[in-house]
C-alpha atoms as a PDB file:
ATOM      1  CA  MET A   1     100.451  82.271 112.435  1.00  0.00           C
ATOM      2  CA  PRO A   2     101.602  86.043 112.113  1.00  0.00           C
ATOM      3  CA  ALA A   3      99.091  88.430 112.386  1.00  0.00           C
ATOM      4  CA  THR A   4      99.392  90.095 109.541  1.00  0.00           C
ATOM      5  CA  VAL A   5      98.978  86.775 107.438  1.00  0.00           C
ATOM      6  CA  VAL A   6      95.427  86.894 109.565  1.00  0.00           C
ATOM      7  CA  ARG A   7      93.755  90.519 109.167  1.00  0.00           C
ATOM      8  CA  ALA A   8      94.691  89.379 105.038  1.00  0.00           C
ATOM      9  CA  ALA A   9      93.071  87.157 104.990  1.00  0.00           C
ATOM     10  CA  ILE A  10      89.197  88.211 107.021  1.00  0.00           C
ATOM     11  CA  MET A  11      90.090  91.634 105.471  1.00  0.00           C
ATOM     12  CA  GLY A  12      89.624  88.852 102.132  1.00  0.00           C
ATOM     13  CA  SER A  13      86.820  87.612 103.451  1.00  0.00           C
ATOM     14  CA  VAL A  14      85.361  90.475 104.848  1.00  0.00           C
ATOM     15  CA  PHE A  15      85.707  91.781 101.317  1.00  0.00           C
ATOM     16  CA  LEU A  16      84.753  88.678  99.041  1.00  0.00           C
ATOM     17  CA  VAL A  17      81.560  88.897 101.767  1.00  0.00           C
ATOM     18  CA  ALA A  18      80.647  92.669 100.652  1.00  0.00           C
ATOM     19  CA  GLU A  19      81.111  91.771  96.907  1.00  0.00           C
ATOM     20  CA  LEU A  20      78.910  88.412  97.275  1.00  0.00           C
ATOM     21  CA  LEU A  21      75.997  90.797  98.589  1.00  0.00           C
ATOM     22  CA  GLY A  22      76.084  93.672  96.251  1.00  0.00           C
ATOM     23  CA  ARG A  23      78.379  96.188  99.401  1.00  0.00           C
ATOM     24  CA  GLN A  24      80.121  98.604  97.885  1.00  0.00           C
ATOM     25  CA  ARG A  25      83.826  98.375  99.844  1.00  0.00           C
ATOM     26  CA  ASN A  26      85.688  99.723 102.022  1.00  0.00           C
ATOM     27  CA  SER A  27      88.806  99.516 103.134  1.00  0.00           C
ATOM     28  CA  LEU A  28      88.752 101.775 106.031  1.00  0.00           C
ATOM     29  CA  ALA A  29      85.294  99.633 107.840  1.00  0.00           C
ATOM     30  CA  ALA A  30      86.668  95.913 106.181  1.00  0.00           C
ATOM     31  CA  LEU A  31      90.438  97.630 108.852  1.00  0.00           C
ATOM     32  CA  MET A  32      88.284  98.037 111.691  1.00  0.00           C
ATOM     33  CA  LEU A  33      86.009  94.946 111.564  1.00  0.00           C
ATOM     34  CA  THR A  34      88.960  93.109 110.862  1.00  0.00           C
ATOM     35  CA  ALA A  35      90.366  94.554 113.729  1.00  0.00           C
ATOM     36  CA  ALA A  36      87.363  94.696 116.143  1.00  0.00           C
ATOM     37  CA  LEU A  37      87.775  90.206 115.271  1.00  0.00           C
ATOM     38  CA  MET A  38      91.380  90.089 115.839  1.00  0.00           C
ATOM     39  CA  VAL A  39      91.602  92.152 119.202  1.00  0.00           C
ATOM     40  CA  ALA A  40      88.085  89.852 120.635  1.00  0.00           C
ATOM     41  CA  VAL A  41      89.444  86.534 119.523  1.00  0.00           C
ATOM     42  CA  GLU A  42      93.535  86.995 121.075  1.00  0.00           C
ATOM     43  CA  PRO A  43      93.418  90.668 122.808  1.00  0.00           C
ATOM     44  CA  ARG A  44      96.858  90.690 123.485  1.00  0.00           C
ATOM     45  CA  VAL A  45      97.288  90.757 119.549  1.00  0.00           C
ATOM     46  CA  LEU A  46      97.445  94.998 119.982  1.00  0.00           C
ATOM     47  CA  TRP A  47     100.531  95.058 122.048  1.00  0.00           C
ATOM     48  CA  ASP A  48     102.022  92.531 118.473  1.00  0.00           C
ATOM     49  CA  ILE A  49     103.472  95.284 116.727  1.00  0.00           C
ATOM     50  CA  SER A  50     103.457  93.895 112.938  1.00  0.00           C
ATOM     51  CA  PHE A  51      99.898  94.149 114.074  1.00  0.00           C
ATOM     52  CA  GLN A  52     100.360  97.778 114.512  1.00  0.00           C
ATOM     53  CA  LEU A  53     102.578  98.371 111.753  1.00  0.00           C
ATOM     54  CA  SER A  54      99.594  96.763 109.965  1.00  0.00           C
ATOM     55  CA  LEU A  55      96.812  98.818 110.854  1.00  0.00           C
ATOM     56  CA  SER A  56      98.762 101.928 110.554  1.00  0.00           C
ATOM     57  CA  LEU A  57      99.909 100.746 107.553  1.00  0.00           C
ATOM     58  CA  HIS A  58      96.678 100.459 106.061  1.00  0.00           C
ATOM     59  CA  ALA A  59      94.486 102.923 107.974  1.00  0.00           C
ATOM     60  CA  ARG A  60      97.112 105.208 106.110  1.00  0.00           C
ATOM     61  CA  HIS A  61      96.221 103.940 102.827  1.00  0.00           C
ATOM     62  CA  GLY A  62      92.831 103.997 103.212  1.00  0.00           C
ATOM     63  CA  VAL A  63      93.101 107.302 103.979  1.00  0.00           C
ATOM     64  CA  ASP A  64      95.278 109.393 101.128  1.00  0.00           C
ATOM     65  CA  LEU A  65      93.411 107.261  98.639  1.00  0.00           C
ATOM     66  CA  ALA A  66      89.890 108.746 100.059  1.00  0.00           C
ATOM     67  CA  LEU A  67      91.604 112.232  99.961  1.00  0.00           C
ATOM     68  CA  LEU A  68      93.031 111.722  96.459  1.00  0.00           C
ATOM     69  CA  GLN A  69      89.293 110.773  95.647  1.00  0.00           C
ATOM     70  CA  GLN A  70      87.663 113.586  96.746  1.00  0.00           C
ATOM     71  CA  ALA A  71      90.711 116.060  95.694  1.00  0.00           C
ATOM     72  CA  GLY A  72      90.070 114.132  92.021  1.00  0.00           C
ATOM     73  CA  LYS A  73      92.941 113.386  91.349  1.00  0.00           C
ATOM     74  CA  CYS A  74      93.027 109.288  91.343  1.00  0.00           C
ATOM     75  CA  GLY A  75      90.545 107.418  89.362  1.00  0.00           C
ATOM     76  CA  LYS A  76      87.395 105.644  90.716  1.00  0.00           C
ATOM     77  CA  TYR A  77      87.374 101.689  90.228  1.00  0.00           C
ATOM     78  CA  SER A  78      84.275 100.487  89.161  1.00  0.00           C
ATOM     79  CA  GLY A  79      84.263  97.359  87.600  1.00  0.00           C
ATOM     80  CA  ASN A  80      86.903  95.623  85.071  1.00  0.00           C
ATOM     81  CA  ARG A  81      87.653  99.309  83.920  1.00  0.00           C
ATOM     82  CA  THR A  82      89.537 102.911  86.129  1.00  0.00           C
ATOM     83  CA  ILE A  83      87.223 105.878  85.570  1.00  0.00           C
ATOM     84  CA  SER A  84      88.679 109.047  85.043  1.00  0.00           C
ATOM     85  CA  GLY A  85      87.117 110.851  89.046  1.00  0.00           C
ATOM     86  CA  ARG A  86      87.452 113.950  87.405  1.00  0.00           C
END
């Protein structure tokens, strides 16, 4: 199975567990947990270009979102509606 599919499945599961436990979802923490699990199970995934690109893209998106939220330029998600971050 492609590394990107495995990453998506693990991250989705992490977010679902966080939701069930009532925890705040953190995309960067979920991404790092996912990467650690994937490398622990299959160390050769480190040399898979799709794994590297997928991780770097999602890490960048997480950092960008955090910076935008800090600057007040991005709405904060709350329940089923978006609330202005200003």
